[in-house]
Protein backbone atom coordinates (compact mmCIF):
# COMPACT_ATOMS: atom_id res chain seq x y z
CA MET A 1 -140.03 -33.59 -56.86
CA THR A 2 -137.65 -35.92 -55.24
CA PRO A 3 -136.44 -39.02 -57.06
CA MET A 4 -138.39 -41.13 -54.54
CA ILE A 5 -141.72 -39.67 -55.64
CA TRP A 6 -140.91 -40.35 -59.30
CA LEU A 7 -139.75 -43.89 -58.41
CA GLY A 8 -143.00 -44.38 -56.48
CA LEU A 9 -144.88 -43.35 -59.61
CA VAL A 10 -142.81 -45.83 -61.64
CA ALA A 11 -143.81 -48.60 -59.21
CA VAL A 12 -147.51 -47.66 -59.35
CA LEU A 13 -147.48 -47.53 -63.16
CA LEU A 14 -145.68 -50.88 -63.44
CA LEU A 15 -148.19 -52.42 -61.05
CA ALA A 16 -151.07 -51.02 -63.12
CA GLU A 17 -149.47 -52.45 -66.27
CA ALA A 18 -149.04 -55.86 -64.65
CA MET A 19 -152.71 -55.88 -63.69
CA THR A 20 -154.07 -54.76 -67.08
CA VAL A 21 -151.44 -55.89 -69.62
CA GLY A 22 -152.70 -53.17 -71.96
CA LEU A 23 -149.28 -51.89 -72.99
CA THR A 24 -150.20 -48.34 -72.01
CA THR A 25 -148.95 -47.47 -68.53
CA ILE A 26 -145.55 -49.09 -69.09
CA TRP A 27 -144.55 -46.23 -71.38
CA PHE A 28 -145.43 -43.68 -68.71
CA ALA A 29 -143.34 -45.66 -66.25
CA GLY A 30 -140.41 -45.12 -68.63
CA GLY A 31 -141.09 -41.38 -68.62
CA ALA A 32 -141.28 -41.35 -64.83
CA LEU A 33 -137.95 -43.19 -64.64
CA VAL A 34 -136.29 -40.55 -66.82
CA ALA A 35 -137.84 -37.83 -64.64
CA ALA A 36 -136.50 -39.61 -61.53
CA ILE A 37 -133.01 -39.59 -62.99
CA ALA A 38 -133.37 -35.89 -63.80
CA SER A 39 -134.62 -35.25 -60.27
CA PHE A 40 -131.60 -37.09 -58.86
CA PHE A 41 -129.41 -34.54 -60.68
CA GLN A 42 -131.57 -31.72 -59.23
CA VAL A 43 -133.02 -30.59 -62.57
CA ASN A 44 -135.81 -27.99 -62.35
CA LEU A 45 -139.30 -29.41 -61.59
CA VAL A 46 -140.77 -27.98 -64.81
CA ILE A 47 -138.08 -29.77 -66.83
CA GLN A 48 -138.76 -33.00 -64.91
CA VAL A 49 -142.47 -32.84 -65.75
CA LEU A 50 -141.72 -31.99 -69.40
CA LEU A 51 -139.27 -34.89 -69.61
CA PHE A 52 -141.91 -37.20 -68.11
CA LEU A 53 -144.55 -36.11 -70.63
CA VAL A 54 -142.33 -36.04 -73.71
CA ILE A 55 -140.57 -39.36 -73.04
CA SER A 56 -143.86 -41.06 -72.16
CA LEU A 57 -145.60 -39.87 -75.33
CA VAL A 58 -142.63 -40.70 -77.56
CA LEU A 59 -142.46 -44.22 -76.12
CA LEU A 60 -146.22 -44.64 -76.42
CA ILE A 61 -146.46 -43.43 -80.01
CA PHE A 62 -143.34 -45.02 -81.48
CA THR A 63 -142.77 -48.25 -79.58
CA ARG A 64 -146.28 -49.43 -78.64
CA PRO A 65 -147.28 -50.56 -82.18
CA TRP A 66 -144.03 -52.52 -82.51
CA ALA A 67 -144.48 -54.10 -79.08
CA ILE A 68 -148.07 -55.13 -79.83
CA ARG A 69 -146.99 -56.74 -83.12
CA PHE A 70 -144.16 -58.53 -81.35
CA MET A 71 -146.41 -59.79 -78.57
CA ASN A 72 -149.10 -60.98 -80.97
CA SER A 73 -146.73 -62.58 -83.49
CA ASP A 74 -147.15 -66.07 -82.08
CA ARG A 75 -150.90 -65.73 -81.61
CA GLU A 76 -152.71 -68.30 -83.70
CA LYS A 77 -155.49 -66.88 -85.82
CA THR A 78 -158.82 -68.53 -85.20
CA ASN A 79 -162.26 -68.55 -86.79
CA VAL A 80 -162.85 -65.66 -89.14
CA ASP A 81 -159.37 -64.13 -88.67
CA SER A 82 -157.84 -67.24 -90.17
CA LEU A 83 -159.66 -66.62 -93.48
CA ILE A 84 -157.67 -63.48 -94.30
CA GLY A 85 -155.14 -64.29 -97.00
CA GLU A 86 -156.97 -67.48 -98.01
CA SER A 87 -158.19 -68.17 -101.54
CA ALA A 88 -161.86 -68.38 -102.44
CA VAL A 89 -163.68 -69.58 -105.55
CA ILE A 90 -166.42 -67.28 -106.82
CA LEU A 91 -169.78 -69.08 -107.14
CA GLU A 92 -171.83 -66.04 -108.21
CA LYS A 93 -170.63 -62.88 -110.01
CA VAL A 94 -169.46 -60.28 -107.52
CA ASP A 95 -170.92 -56.84 -108.17
CA ASN A 96 -171.03 -54.45 -105.22
CA LEU A 97 -173.45 -52.07 -106.93
CA LYS A 98 -175.97 -54.87 -107.56
CA GLU A 99 -175.19 -56.40 -104.15
CA THR A 100 -174.42 -59.81 -105.62
CA GLY A 101 -171.60 -62.20 -105.00
CA LYS A 102 -171.00 -65.55 -103.36
CA ALA A 103 -167.84 -67.59 -102.88
CA GLN A 104 -166.81 -70.89 -101.41
CA VAL A 105 -164.09 -71.08 -98.78
CA ARG A 106 -163.21 -74.29 -96.95
CA GLY A 107 -166.43 -75.88 -98.11
CA MET A 108 -168.60 -73.03 -96.82
CA GLU A 109 -170.52 -70.48 -98.86
CA TRP A 110 -170.00 -66.80 -98.04
CA THR A 111 -171.36 -63.51 -99.30
CA VAL A 112 -168.51 -61.56 -100.84
CA ARG A 113 -167.80 -58.03 -101.99
CA THR A 114 -164.81 -56.46 -103.72
CA GLU A 115 -162.61 -53.74 -102.24
CA LYS A 116 -163.75 -51.25 -104.88
CA ASP A 117 -167.38 -50.78 -105.91
CA GLU A 118 -166.55 -50.46 -109.62
CA GLU A 119 -164.71 -53.80 -109.68
CA THR A 120 -166.56 -57.02 -110.56
CA VAL A 121 -165.40 -60.63 -110.40
CA GLU A 122 -166.81 -63.37 -112.61
CA LYS A 123 -168.04 -66.79 -111.55
CA GLY A 124 -165.25 -69.35 -111.37
CA GLU A 125 -162.44 -66.88 -110.65
CA VAL A 126 -160.16 -67.42 -107.69
CA VAL A 127 -159.78 -64.44 -105.35
CA THR A 128 -157.88 -63.62 -102.16
CA ILE A 129 -159.69 -62.64 -98.97
CA VAL A 130 -158.36 -59.31 -97.64
CA LYS A 131 -160.71 -58.73 -94.70
CA VAL A 132 -163.97 -59.75 -93.10
CA GLN A 133 -166.66 -57.13 -92.69
CA GLY A 134 -169.53 -58.43 -90.59
CA VAL A 135 -170.66 -61.61 -92.36
CA LYS A 136 -169.17 -60.64 -95.73
CA LEU A 137 -165.76 -61.40 -97.11
CA ILE A 138 -163.95 -58.55 -98.84
CA VAL A 139 -161.88 -59.95 -101.69
CA LYS A 140 -159.48 -58.90 -104.42
CA ARG A 141 -158.36 -60.53 -107.61
CA ARG A 142 -155.26 -62.65 -107.33
CA LYS A 143 -152.19 -61.27 -109.03
CA GLU A 144 -150.85 -63.48 -111.76
CA GLU A 145 -147.71 -65.26 -110.68
CA ILE A 146 -144.68 -64.57 -112.86
CA LEU A 147 -142.45 -67.59 -113.35
């Protein structure tokens, strides 16, 4: 393939990325750019295609998670997402096996469960919310602070 075909593919992939902003096609554009450079130096077509595939997959696998974290770092958590990491006061003993447990967070009552089924939390304890599963808060005991 000539470098112009690879550069055309780079342009198409960058355009697709600009339209979707999914952080997927940009990595393949990087692979196509490397293949274009290889094509410019008249490297074998099979090597060009392998370079395209390998570079694209390496970029996708290793840099996409970092890029997503970086792009979402200034995103303000809203609604339920903002509860993760918050403290909650247990209003009713939490026992996953008996399907009991209620807690109060920001003045609202929630159904809660622990991360592990064998773990229970007594009324009055303060817990930390680790995730939200449907309409239930998944909590864990707070670690004692060492002074």
